Protein backbone atom coordinates (compact mmCIF):
# COMPACT_ATOMS: atom_id res chain seq x y z
CA UNK A 1 -22.75 -19.60 -4.17
CA UNK A 2 -23.77 -17.06 -6.77
CA UNK A 3 -20.91 -15.77 -8.94
CA UNK A 4 -19.83 -12.01 -9.13
CA UNK A 5 -21.62 -10.49 -11.94
CA UNK A 6 -21.97 -7.36 -13.76
CA UNK A 7 -25.98 -6.76 -14.13
CA UNK A 8 -27.34 -4.67 -17.34
CA UNK A 9 -31.40 -4.38 -17.37
CA UNK A 10 -32.77 -3.16 -20.35
CA UNK A 11 -36.30 -3.57 -22.31
CA UNK A 12 -35.30 -7.38 -23.08
CA UNK A 13 -37.78 -10.29 -22.54
CA UNK A 14 -35.39 -12.68 -21.47
CA UNK A 15 -32.29 -13.50 -19.46
CA UNK A 16 -29.09 -13.84 -20.69
CA UNK A 17 -25.35 -14.54 -19.92
CA UNK A 18 -22.59 -13.28 -21.58
CA UNK A 19 -18.68 -14.40 -20.51
CA UNK A 20 -15.59 -11.67 -21.66
CA UNK A 21 -13.57 -12.90 -24.08
CA UNK A 22 -10.69 -11.02 -22.56
CA UNK A 23 -10.72 -11.93 -19.27
CA UNK A 24 -14.17 -14.15 -18.70
CA UNK A 25 -15.82 -11.74 -16.64
CA UNK A 26 -19.57 -12.88 -16.80
CA UNK A 27 -22.49 -10.29 -17.44
CA UNK A 28 -26.11 -10.59 -16.72
CA UNK A 29 -28.73 -8.86 -19.21
CA UNK A 30 -31.99 -8.67 -18.05
CA UNK A 31 -35.20 -7.58 -18.04
CA UNK A 32 -36.20 -4.26 -16.21
CA UNK A 33 -38.53 -5.98 -13.42
CA UNK A 34 -36.95 -9.34 -12.88
CA UNK A 35 -36.10 -9.36 -8.94
CA UNK A 36 -32.96 -9.84 -8.17
CA UNK A 37 -33.91 -13.27 -6.41
CA UNK A 38 -34.64 -14.86 -9.60
CA UNK A 39 -31.80 -13.81 -11.45
CA UNK A 40 -29.21 -15.26 -8.57
CA UNK A 41 -31.46 -18.24 -8.98
CA UNK A 42 -30.85 -18.39 -12.74
CA UNK A 43 -27.18 -17.96 -12.49
CA UNK A 44 -26.55 -20.94 -10.04
CA UNK A 45 -28.80 -22.73 -12.22
CA UNK A 46 -25.76 -22.36 -14.72
CA UNK A 47 -22.79 -22.48 -12.44
CA UNK A 48 -21.27 -25.37 -13.73
CA UNK A 49 -21.54 -23.98 -17.56
CA UNK A 50 -20.11 -20.67 -15.96
CA UNK A 51 -16.66 -22.24 -14.49
CA UNK A 52 -16.16 -24.48 -17.79
CA UNK A 53 -16.17 -21.97 -20.01
CA UNK A 54 -14.41 -19.40 -17.75
CA UNK A 55 -11.86 -21.92 -17.37
CA UNK A 56 -11.85 -22.52 -21.08
CA UNK A 57 -11.63 -18.29 -22.00
CA UNK A 58 -8.65 -17.99 -19.45
CA UNK A 59 -6.69 -21.18 -21.14
CA UNK A 60 -7.20 -19.60 -24.23
CA UNK A 61 -5.95 -16.15 -23.33
CA UNK A 62 -3.08 -17.51 -22.10
CA UNK A 63 -2.02 -19.55 -24.94
CA UNK A 64 -2.52 -16.74 -27.39
CA UNK A 65 -0.05 -14.17 -25.59
CA UNK A 66 1.66 -12.39 -28.20
CA UNK A 67 5.63 -11.67 -28.02
CA UNK A 68 5.45 -9.63 -31.37
CA UNK A 69 8.10 -11.75 -32.41
CA UNK A 70 9.42 -11.92 -36.14
CA UNK A 71 7.64 -14.97 -37.82
CA UNK A 72 4.25 -14.66 -35.35
CA UNK A 73 1.44 -14.95 -37.08
CA UNK A 74 -1.35 -12.11 -36.90
CA UNK A 75 -5.15 -12.37 -38.89
CA UNK A 76 -6.68 -10.37 -40.87
CA UNK A 77 -10.06 -11.35 -42.57
CA UNK A 78 -9.73 -14.94 -42.27
CA UNK A 79 -6.20 -15.48 -43.27
CA UNK A 80 -3.04 -15.33 -41.08
CA UNK A 81 0.12 -13.45 -41.97
CA UNK A 82 3.41 -13.40 -40.89
CA UNK A 83 5.04 -10.60 -39.11
CA UNK A 84 8.40 -9.56 -40.48
CA UNK A 85 10.75 -7.13 -38.34
CA UNK A 86 12.98 -4.13 -40.15
CA UNK A 87 15.64 -1.65 -39.41
CA UNK A 88 14.46 0.55 -42.03
CA UNK A 89 10.44 2.05 -42.58
CA UNK A 90 8.73 4.73 -43.32
CA UNK A 91 6.09 3.52 -40.90
CA UNK A 92 6.19 1.74 -37.81
CA UNK A 93 3.76 -1.03 -38.96
CA UNK A 94 2.48 -1.62 -42.36
CA UNK A 95 0.44 -4.12 -44.38
CA UNK A 96 1.72 -5.14 -47.94
CA UNK A 97 -1.23 -8.27 -48.50
CA UNK A 98 1.11 -10.62 -47.66
CA UNK A 99 2.86 -9.68 -44.44
CA UNK A 100 3.14 -7.67 -41.92
CA UNK A 101 6.30 -5.16 -41.32
CA UNK A 102 7.30 -3.58 -38.38
CA UNK A 103 10.14 -1.30 -37.57
CA UNK A 104 12.34 -2.95 -35.40
CA UNK A 105 12.73 0.45 -33.55
CA UNK A 106 8.98 0.36 -32.40
CA UNK A 107 8.44 -3.34 -31.26
CA UNK A 108 8.08 -1.83 -27.92
CA UNK A 109 4.74 -0.45 -28.72
CA UNK A 110 3.95 -3.16 -31.59
CA UNK A 111 0.79 -4.04 -29.45
CA UNK A 112 -0.58 -0.32 -29.72
CA UNK A 113 0.23 -0.24 -33.15
CA UNK A 114 -1.57 -3.24 -34.04
CA UNK A 115 -4.73 -2.06 -32.22
CA UNK A 116 -4.45 1.48 -34.27
CA UNK A 117 -4.15 -0.26 -37.75
CA UNK A 118 -7.02 -3.11 -36.81
CA UNK A 119 -9.21 -0.20 -35.70
CA UNK A 120 -8.40 2.27 -38.74
CA UNK A 121 -9.39 -1.41 -41.05
CA UNK A 122 -12.46 -2.27 -39.10
CA UNK A 123 -14.02 0.97 -39.26
CA UNK A 124 -13.55 1.23 -42.71
CA UNK A 125 -14.74 -1.88 -43.78
CA UNK A 126 -17.86 -2.35 -41.33
CA UNK A 127 -18.96 1.01 -42.36
CA UNK A 128 -18.63 0.42 -46.36
CA UNK A 129 -20.63 -3.05 -45.36
CA UNK A 130 -23.08 -1.81 -43.53
CA UNK A 131 -23.74 1.01 -45.89
CA UNK A 132 -23.92 -1.55 -49.06
CA UNK A 133 -26.08 -4.25 -47.24
CA UNK A 134 -28.36 -0.93 -45.81
CA UNK A 135 -29.11 0.22 -49.46
CA UNK A 136 -29.45 -3.21 -51.03
CA UNK A 137 -31.84 -4.30 -48.24
CA UNK A 138 -33.66 -0.59 -47.87
CA UNK A 139 -32.84 -0.91 -44.08
CA UNK A 140 -32.07 2.41 -42.91
CA UNK A 141 -29.46 3.00 -39.71
CA UNK A 142 -28.26 6.06 -37.70
CA UNK A 143 -24.35 6.29 -36.55
CA UNK A 144 -21.87 3.18 -37.12
CA UNK A 145 -19.59 3.07 -33.86
CA UNK A 146 -16.70 0.38 -34.07
CA UNK A 147 -14.77 -0.24 -31.29
CA UNK A 148 -13.09 -3.23 -28.63
CA UNK A 149 -16.13 -4.74 -27.18
CA UNK A 150 -15.82 -7.31 -24.48
CA UNK A 151 -18.46 -9.64 -24.73
CA UNK A 152 -20.43 -8.60 -27.96
CA UNK A 153 -19.94 -8.22 -31.15
CA UNK A 154 -22.54 -6.38 -32.63
CA UNK A 155 -25.59 -4.10 -31.31
CA UNK A 156 -28.46 -2.26 -32.13
CA UNK A 157 -29.90 0.74 -30.05
CA UNK A 158 -33.82 1.58 -30.22
CA UNK A 159 -32.52 4.84 -32.36
CA UNK A 160 -31.00 2.48 -34.92
CA UNK A 161 -27.35 3.20 -34.06
CA UNK A 162 -25.23 0.38 -34.96
CA UNK A 163 -21.95 -0.82 -32.68
CA UNK A 164 -19.43 -3.66 -34.07
CA UNK A 165 -16.56 -5.21 -31.55
CA UNK A 166 -13.38 -4.19 -33.85
CA UNK A 167 -12.20 -7.77 -33.56
CA UNK A 168 -14.41 -8.39 -36.22
CA UNK A 169 -11.92 -7.49 -38.96
CA UNK A 170 -9.54 -10.72 -38.05
CA UNK A 171 -12.60 -12.78 -39.09
CA UNK A 172 -13.58 -13.93 -42.28
CA UNK A 173 -15.37 -11.72 -44.49
CA UNK A 174 -18.45 -13.80 -44.63
CA UNK A 175 -18.59 -14.10 -40.81
CA UNK A 176 -18.06 -10.36 -40.27
CA UNK A 177 -20.89 -9.80 -43.15
CA UNK A 178 -23.35 -11.91 -40.49
CA UNK A 179 -22.95 -9.61 -37.84
CA UNK A 180 -23.58 -6.71 -39.91
CA UNK A 181 -26.87 -8.60 -40.94
CA UNK A 182 -27.84 -9.26 -37.51
CA UNK A 183 -27.68 -5.78 -36.57
CA UNK A 184 -29.50 -4.81 -39.28
CA UNK A 185 -32.35 -7.22 -39.00
CA UNK A 186 -32.69 -5.95 -35.25
CA UNK A 187 -33.93 -2.49 -36.44
CA UNK A 188 -36.57 -4.15 -38.21
CA UNK A 189 -37.09 -6.93 -35.25
CA UNK A 190 -35.57 -5.81 -31.65
CA UNK A 191 -35.86 -9.37 -29.70
CA UNK A 192 -34.49 -12.73 -31.17
CA UNK A 193 -38.17 -14.08 -31.88
CA UNK A 194 -38.71 -16.99 -34.60
CA UNK A 195 -39.62 -13.70 -36.85
CA UNK A 196 -36.40 -12.09 -36.55
CA UNK A 197 -34.35 -15.34 -37.05
CA UNK A 198 -36.65 -16.01 -39.80
CA UNK A 199 -35.84 -12.06 -41.77
CA UNK A 200 -31.97 -12.45 -40.61
CA UNK A 201 -31.91 -15.98 -42.40
CA UNK A 202 -33.41 -13.67 -45.34
CA UNK A 203 -30.34 -11.17 -45.61
CA UNK A 204 -27.93 -14.03 -44.46
CA UNK A 205 -28.68 -17.54 -45.28
CA UNK A 206 -25.94 -18.90 -42.85
CA UNK A 207 -26.29 -16.78 -40.17
CA UNK A 208 -26.76 -19.14 -37.72
CA UNK A 209 -23.63 -21.29 -39.27
CA UNK A 210 -21.49 -17.94 -38.77
CA UNK A 211 -22.55 -17.45 -35.36
CA UNK A 212 -21.56 -20.99 -34.65
CA UNK A 213 -17.85 -20.05 -35.97
CA UNK A 214 -17.50 -16.96 -34.02
CA UNK A 215 -18.55 -19.11 -30.40
CA UNK A 216 -16.28 -21.33 -31.55
CA UNK A 217 -12.97 -19.12 -32.66
CA UNK A 218 -14.12 -15.56 -31.05
CA UNK A 219 -11.04 -15.99 -28.41
CA UNK A 220 -8.72 -16.31 -31.46
CA UNK A 221 -9.27 -12.61 -32.67
CA UNK A 222 -6.93 -10.75 -30.79
CA UNK A 223 -3.75 -9.11 -31.77
């Protein structure tokens, strides 16, 4: 029996399966003219992998639930920092380079505070890194968007607009940079052909290594 899934068709050349790191939901990305019967057969043939991966994702989600207790650790650019509660503070949430500081009276909205803080940092860092590498490598791009993406770390539209997952700001900077390199490389090569990987590797020699890190640790990039 075919799994339920979201279907996204585009001018791609191959079928790809992606699973949301939030809840394990399946997305099938497919070329425009591939018949539905072929897509369902493709999914059925990978049923065991899908079920195993979904169980792993759901277990990871359950084990990484946050309470925002004092002493919990939160990631930022690959390092972990403790959360401290205080009774008086100008800001509801702040970061001093060594710890996160949460005003005790704002604990009820801690998840939103962390989301807003990470979002502002991600927009700044990803914009700066993309601009730097774009100028260094002379690859022009259009707009930069940073948002909480369910199953992708980055994407590149045909007009050169780039999107990045806000959760990249929790990963080590070289990993974040590798995603920037990956998406800038797509401006030159639209697919994942050998030519793409050769070019992307000139921009970031460790790009495959960093991609493997994201596959292994992506579920940990939560707040």
